[in-house]
Amino acid sequence: MLLIFFFVTFLSMLMLFVSWILSYKSNNSNESLTPFECGFEPLSDMRSPFSIRFFLLIILFLIFDIEVSLIFPIISILIIDKKIETILSFTMFLIILLFGIFHEWNEGAIDWVTV
């Protein structure tokens, strides 16, 4: 066991050393040293207007992406356990999710074309 620990430690140190030796560091490019601010020019006015529609669309994507990741385990639970409480809770979850998406659709948050 101790031999395996020393071997793993030696191998990881060797890989770190080789990557440090082989890495190419260039200080010639001033552009690579400037910060990148979310698609804005690095030296432009930082108080330029930001599209709130883009921000809202990203937030909606994150919310519904997390909810979709919650749906997959619930479906696997429904396959195993077919109790009425589990089915009702999943149905209520989907109803709340659908009401949320229809509300955002009605408010025009999803419609990118209208201004």
N, C-alpha and C. Protein backbone atom coordinates (compact mmCIF):
# COMPACT_ATOMS: atom_id res chain seq x y z
N MET A 1 0.83 -1.19 0.00
CA MET A 1 0.00 0.00 0.00
C MET A 1 0.87 1.26 0.00
N LEU A 2 1.92 1.23 0.77
CA LEU A 2 2.82 2.37 0.84
C LEU A 2 3.55 2.56 -0.48
N LEU A 3 3.86 1.46 -1.15
CA LEU A 3 4.51 1.53 -2.45
C LEU A 3 3.60 2.19 -3.49
N ILE A 4 2.33 1.87 -3.45
CA ILE A 4 1.37 2.49 -4.38
C ILE A 4 1.26 3.98 -4.10
N PHE A 5 1.23 4.37 -2.84
CA PHE A 5 1.16 5.79 -2.49
C PHE A 5 2.37 6.54 -3.02
N PHE A 6 3.58 5.99 -2.84
CA PHE A 6 4.79 6.65 -3.34
C PHE A 6 4.79 6.70 -4.86
N PHE A 7 4.32 5.64 -5.50
CA PHE A 7 4.27 5.63 -6.96
C PHE A 7 3.31 6.69 -7.50
N VAL A 8 2.14 6.81 -6.90
CA VAL A 8 1.16 7.81 -7.33
C VAL A 8 1.69 9.21 -7.08
N THR A 9 2.32 9.43 -5.94
CA THR A 9 2.89 10.74 -5.64
C THR A 9 4.00 11.08 -6.63
N PHE A 10 4.89 10.12 -6.89
CA PHE A 10 5.96 10.35 -7.84
C PHE A 10 5.43 10.63 -9.23
N LEU A 11 4.43 9.87 -9.66
CA LEU A 11 3.85 10.06 -10.99
C LEU A 11 3.18 11.42 -11.12
N SER A 12 2.45 11.85 -10.11
CA SER A 12 1.80 13.17 -10.18
C SER A 12 2.82 14.29 -10.17
N MET A 13 3.88 14.17 -9.37
CA MET A 13 4.94 15.19 -9.37
C MET A 13 5.66 15.23 -10.71
N LEU A 14 5.89 14.06 -11.29
CA LEU A 14 6.53 13.99 -12.60
C LEU A 14 5.67 14.67 -13.67
N MET A 15 4.37 14.43 -13.63
CA MET A 15 3.48 15.05 -14.62
C MET A 15 3.42 16.56 -14.43
N LEU A 16 3.39 17.03 -13.20
CA LEU A 16 3.42 18.48 -12.95
C LEU A 16 4.72 19.10 -13.45
N PHE A 17 5.84 18.43 -13.22
CA PHE A 17 7.13 18.95 -13.67
C PHE A 17 7.21 19.00 -15.18
N VAL A 18 6.75 17.94 -15.84
CA VAL A 18 6.79 17.90 -17.31
C VAL A 18 5.88 18.97 -17.91
N SER A 19 4.70 19.18 -17.32
CA SER A 19 3.82 20.23 -17.84
C SER A 19 4.40 21.61 -17.61
N TRP A 20 5.12 21.80 -16.52
CA TRP A 20 5.75 23.09 -16.25
C TRP A 20 6.89 23.35 -17.23
N ILE A 21 7.65 22.31 -17.55
CA ILE A 21 8.76 22.44 -18.50
C ILE A 21 8.24 22.69 -19.91
N LEU A 22 7.21 21.99 -20.32
CA LEU A 22 6.72 22.08 -21.69
C LEU A 22 5.79 23.25 -21.95
N SER A 23 5.33 23.92 -20.92
CA SER A 23 4.40 25.03 -21.13
C SER A 23 5.14 26.21 -21.75
N TYR A 24 4.45 26.89 -22.65
CA TYR A 24 5.02 28.03 -23.35
C TYR A 24 4.43 29.30 -22.78
N LYS A 25 5.27 30.13 -22.23
CA LYS A 25 4.81 31.38 -21.65
C LYS A 25 5.36 32.53 -22.48
N SER A 26 4.46 33.32 -23.00
CA SER A 26 4.86 34.46 -23.82
C SER A 26 4.31 35.74 -23.19
N ASN A 27 5.18 36.68 -22.95
CA ASN A 27 4.77 37.98 -22.41
C ASN A 27 4.74 39.04 -23.50
N ASN A 28 4.79 38.61 -24.76
CA ASN A 28 4.82 39.55 -25.87
C ASN A 28 3.46 40.14 -26.17
N SER A 29 2.41 39.41 -25.91
CA SER A 29 1.08 39.84 -26.29
C SER A 29 0.43 40.64 -25.17
N ASN A 30 0.23 41.92 -25.39
CA ASN A 30 -0.45 42.75 -24.40
C ASN A 30 -1.95 42.51 -24.41
N GLU A 31 -2.47 42.04 -25.55
CA GLU A 31 -3.90 41.78 -25.67
C GLU A 31 -4.33 40.62 -24.77
N SER A 32 -3.47 39.63 -24.62
CA SER A 32 -3.83 38.49 -23.78
C SER A 32 -3.78 38.83 -22.30
N LEU A 33 -3.13 39.91 -21.93
CA LEU A 33 -3.05 40.31 -20.53
C LEU A 33 -4.22 41.20 -20.11
N THR A 34 -5.02 41.67 -21.06
CA THR A 34 -6.16 42.52 -20.71
C THR A 34 -7.33 41.66 -20.30
N PRO A 35 -8.16 42.17 -19.38
CA PRO A 35 -9.33 41.38 -18.96
C PRO A 35 -10.40 41.34 -20.05
N PHE A 36 -11.09 40.25 -20.11
CA PHE A 36 -12.19 40.09 -21.06
C PHE A 36 -13.49 40.21 -20.29
N GLU A 37 -14.29 41.18 -20.64
CA GLU A 37 -15.51 41.48 -19.89
C GLU A 37 -16.75 41.15 -20.70
N CYS A 38 -17.16 39.92 -20.74
CA CYS A 38 -18.45 39.47 -21.27
C CYS A 38 -18.75 39.98 -22.66
N GLY A 39 -17.80 39.97 -23.53
CA GLY A 39 -18.04 40.37 -24.91
C GLY A 39 -17.86 41.85 -25.17
N PHE A 40 -17.63 42.67 -24.14
CA PHE A 40 -17.39 44.09 -24.32
C PHE A 40 -15.92 44.31 -24.66
N GLU A 41 -15.64 45.40 -25.34
CA GLU A 41 -14.25 45.75 -25.60
C GLU A 41 -13.54 46.03 -24.28
N PRO A 42 -12.31 45.58 -24.10
CA PRO A 42 -11.63 45.75 -22.82
C PRO A 42 -11.40 47.20 -22.42
N LEU A 43 -11.23 48.07 -23.38
CA LEU A 43 -10.94 49.47 -23.05
C LEU A 43 -12.11 50.39 -23.33
N SER A 44 -13.29 49.84 -23.52
CA SER A 44 -14.45 50.68 -23.80
C SER A 44 -15.08 51.15 -22.50
N ASP A 45 -16.13 51.95 -22.62
CA ASP A 45 -16.85 52.46 -21.46
C ASP A 45 -17.55 51.30 -20.77
N MET A 46 -17.25 51.08 -19.50
CA MET A 46 -17.81 49.94 -18.78
C MET A 46 -19.27 50.17 -18.39
N ARG A 47 -19.76 51.36 -18.49
CA ARG A 47 -21.15 51.66 -18.15
C ARG A 47 -22.04 51.67 -19.38
N SER A 48 -21.64 50.99 -20.43
CA SER A 48 -22.47 50.94 -21.63
C SER A 48 -23.72 50.13 -21.34
N PRO A 49 -24.84 50.43 -22.02
CA PRO A 49 -26.10 49.74 -21.72
C PRO A 49 -26.01 48.25 -22.06
N PHE A 50 -26.59 47.47 -21.18
CA PHE A 50 -26.61 46.02 -21.34
C PHE A 50 -28.04 45.58 -21.60
N SER A 51 -28.21 44.68 -22.54
CA SER A 51 -29.55 44.23 -22.90
C SER A 51 -30.16 43.41 -21.77
N ILE A 52 -31.22 43.91 -21.17
CA ILE A 52 -31.88 43.21 -20.09
C ILE A 52 -32.60 41.97 -20.61
N ARG A 53 -32.99 41.97 -21.88
CA ARG A 53 -33.65 40.81 -22.48
C ARG A 53 -32.69 39.62 -22.56
N PHE A 54 -31.41 39.92 -22.86
CA PHE A 54 -30.41 38.86 -22.89
C PHE A 54 -30.22 38.28 -21.50
N PHE A 55 -30.14 39.13 -20.49
CA PHE A 55 -29.98 38.68 -19.12
C PHE A 55 -31.18 37.85 -18.67
N LEU A 56 -32.38 38.28 -18.99
CA LEU A 56 -33.59 37.55 -18.60
C LEU A 56 -33.67 36.20 -19.29
N LEU A 57 -33.27 36.15 -20.55
CA LEU A 57 -33.29 34.89 -21.27
C LEU A 57 -32.29 33.90 -20.67
N ILE A 58 -31.14 34.38 -20.26
CA ILE A 58 -30.14 33.50 -19.63
C ILE A 58 -30.65 33.00 -18.29
N ILE A 59 -31.29 33.85 -17.50
CA ILE A 59 -31.83 33.43 -16.21
C ILE A 59 -32.93 32.38 -16.42
N LEU A 60 -33.80 32.60 -17.40
CA LEU A 60 -34.84 31.61 -17.70
C LEU A 60 -34.23 30.28 -18.14
N PHE A 61 -33.18 30.36 -18.94
CA PHE A 61 -32.52 29.13 -19.37
C PHE A 61 -31.96 28.38 -18.16
N LEU A 62 -31.32 29.08 -17.24
CA LEU A 62 -30.75 28.42 -16.07
C LEU A 62 -31.83 27.80 -15.20
N ILE A 63 -32.94 28.52 -15.00
CA ILE A 63 -34.02 27.99 -14.16
C ILE A 63 -34.59 26.72 -14.78
N PHE A 64 -34.91 26.76 -16.06
CA PHE A 64 -35.53 25.59 -16.69
C PHE A 64 -34.52 24.48 -16.92
N ASP A 65 -33.25 24.80 -17.04
CA ASP A 65 -32.24 23.76 -17.15
C ASP A 65 -32.12 22.99 -15.84
N ILE A 66 -32.15 23.68 -14.72
CA ILE A 66 -32.11 23.02 -13.41
C ILE A 66 -33.36 22.18 -13.21
N GLU A 67 -34.50 22.69 -13.62
CA GLU A 67 -35.74 21.93 -13.44
C GLU A 67 -35.77 20.68 -14.32
N VAL A 68 -35.19 20.75 -15.51
CA VAL A 68 -35.12 19.55 -16.34
C VAL A 68 -34.20 18.53 -15.70
N SER A 69 -33.12 18.98 -15.06
CA SER A 69 -32.24 18.04 -14.37
C SER A 69 -32.92 17.43 -13.14
N LEU A 70 -33.96 18.07 -12.62
CA LEU A 70 -34.74 17.49 -11.53
C LEU A 70 -35.79 16.52 -12.04
N ILE A 71 -36.22 16.68 -13.27
CA ILE A 71 -37.26 15.81 -13.81
C ILE A 71 -36.74 14.39 -14.03
N PHE A 72 -35.50 14.22 -14.48
CA PHE A 72 -34.99 12.88 -14.78
C PHE A 72 -34.96 11.96 -13.56
N PRO A 73 -34.48 12.39 -12.38
CA PRO A 73 -34.58 11.48 -11.24
C PRO A 73 -36.01 11.21 -10.81
N ILE A 74 -36.88 12.18 -10.97
CA ILE A 74 -38.28 11.97 -10.59
C ILE A 74 -38.91 10.92 -11.50
N ILE A 75 -38.57 10.94 -12.77
CA ILE A 75 -39.11 9.92 -13.69
C ILE A 75 -38.60 8.54 -13.31
N SER A 76 -37.33 8.43 -12.91
CA SER A 76 -36.83 7.12 -12.50
C SER A 76 -37.48 6.66 -11.20
N ILE A 77 -37.82 7.60 -10.32
CA ILE A 77 -38.55 7.23 -9.10
C ILE A 77 -39.96 6.78 -9.46
N LEU A 78 -40.59 7.43 -10.42
CA LEU A 78 -41.94 7.04 -10.83
C LEU A 78 -41.97 5.63 -11.44
N ILE A 79 -40.89 5.24 -12.11
CA ILE A 79 -40.84 3.89 -12.68
C ILE A 79 -40.79 2.86 -11.57
N ILE A 80 -40.03 3.15 -10.52
CA ILE A 80 -39.88 2.20 -9.41
C ILE A 80 -41.09 2.24 -8.48
N ASP A 81 -41.49 3.45 -8.08
CA ASP A 81 -42.52 3.62 -7.06
C ASP A 81 -43.73 4.30 -7.69
N LYS A 82 -44.84 3.59 -7.80
CA LYS A 82 -46.02 4.14 -8.45
C LYS A 82 -47.10 4.47 -7.43
N LYS A 83 -46.68 5.13 -6.34
CA LYS A 83 -47.66 5.56 -5.34
C LYS A 83 -48.37 6.81 -5.84
N ILE A 84 -49.58 7.01 -5.37
CA ILE A 84 -50.38 8.16 -5.80
C ILE A 84 -49.77 9.48 -5.34
N GLU A 85 -49.09 9.46 -4.17
CA GLU A 85 -48.47 10.69 -3.66
C GLU A 85 -47.32 11.13 -4.57
N THR A 86 -46.54 10.17 -5.04
CA THR A 86 -45.43 10.49 -5.93
C THR A 86 -45.94 11.03 -7.26
N ILE A 87 -46.97 10.41 -7.78
CA ILE A 87 -47.53 10.86 -9.06
C ILE A 87 -48.14 12.24 -8.93
N LEU A 88 -48.87 12.49 -7.82
CA LEU A 88 -49.47 13.81 -7.61
C LEU A 88 -48.42 14.90 -7.42
N SER A 89 -47.35 14.60 -6.68
CA SER A 89 -46.31 15.61 -6.47
C SER A 89 -45.59 15.93 -7.78
N PHE A 90 -45.34 14.91 -8.60
CA PHE A 90 -44.71 15.15 -9.90
C PHE A 90 -45.64 15.95 -10.81
N THR A 91 -46.93 15.64 -10.76
CA THR A 91 -47.89 16.38 -11.57
C THR A 91 -47.97 17.84 -11.14
N MET A 92 -47.97 18.08 -9.84
CA MET A 92 -47.98 19.47 -9.35
C MET A 92 -46.71 20.21 -9.75
N PHE A 93 -45.58 19.52 -9.71
CA PHE A 93 -44.32 20.12 -10.14
C PHE A 93 -44.39 20.51 -11.61
N LEU A 94 -44.91 19.64 -12.44
CA LEU A 94 -45.03 19.96 -13.87
C LEU A 94 -46.03 21.08 -14.13
N ILE A 95 -47.13 21.11 -13.36
CA ILE A 95 -48.13 22.18 -13.53
C ILE A 95 -47.53 23.53 -13.18
N ILE A 96 -46.80 23.59 -12.06
CA ILE A 96 -46.14 24.85 -11.68
C ILE A 96 -45.11 25.26 -12.73
N LEU A 97 -44.39 24.30 -13.26
CA LEU A 97 -43.40 24.59 -14.30
C LEU A 97 -44.08 25.12 -15.56
N LEU A 98 -45.18 24.50 -15.94
CA LEU A 98 -45.89 24.96 -17.14
C LEU A 98 -46.52 26.34 -16.93
N PHE A 99 -47.10 26.59 -15.74
CA PHE A 99 -47.63 27.92 -15.47
C PHE A 99 -46.53 28.98 -15.54
N GLY A 100 -45.35 28.65 -15.04
CA GLY A 100 -44.22 29.59 -15.11
C GLY A 100 -43.80 29.90 -16.52
N ILE A 101 -43.70 28.86 -17.36
CA ILE A 101 -43.28 29.10 -18.74
C ILE A 101 -44.36 29.83 -19.53
N PHE A 102 -45.65 29.53 -19.27
CA PHE A 102 -46.71 30.27 -19.96
C PHE A 102 -46.77 31.72 -19.50
N HIS A 103 -46.50 31.97 -18.23
CA HIS A 103 -46.48 33.35 -17.73
C HIS A 103 -45.35 34.14 -18.39
N GLU A 104 -44.16 33.54 -18.48
CA GLU A 104 -43.04 34.22 -19.14
C GLU A 104 -43.33 34.43 -20.63
N TRP A 105 -44.01 33.50 -21.24
CA TRP A 105 -44.37 33.63 -22.64
C TRP A 105 -45.39 34.75 -22.82
N ASN A 106 -46.36 34.84 -21.90
CA ASN A 106 -47.37 35.89 -21.96
C ASN A 106 -46.75 37.27 -21.72
N GLU A 107 -45.76 37.34 -20.84
CA GLU A 107 -45.10 38.62 -20.56
C GLU A 107 -44.18 39.06 -21.71
N GLY A 108 -43.84 38.13 -22.60
CA GLY A 108 -42.98 38.47 -23.74
C GLY A 108 -41.50 38.29 -23.46
N ALA A 109 -41.17 37.61 -22.37
CA ALA A 109 -39.76 37.43 -22.03
C ALA A 109 -39.08 36.44 -22.96
N ILE A 110 -39.83 35.51 -23.51
CA ILE A 110 -39.23 34.49 -24.38
C ILE A 110 -39.22 34.97 -25.83
N ASP A 111 -40.13 35.82 -26.20
CA ASP A 111 -40.21 36.31 -27.58
C ASP A 111 -39.09 37.30 -27.82
N TRP A 112 -38.07 36.90 -28.54
CA TRP A 112 -36.89 37.73 -28.74
C TRP A 112 -37.13 38.78 -29.85
N VAL A 113 -38.06 38.55 -30.74
CA VAL A 113 -38.24 39.42 -31.89
C VAL A 113 -38.85 40.76 -31.51
N THR A 114 -39.83 40.78 -30.63
CA THR A 114 -40.49 42.04 -30.27
C THR A 114 -39.58 42.88 -29.40
N VAL A 115 -39.76 44.20 -29.49
CA VAL A 115 -38.92 45.12 -28.72
C VAL A 115 -39.67 45.73 -27.59
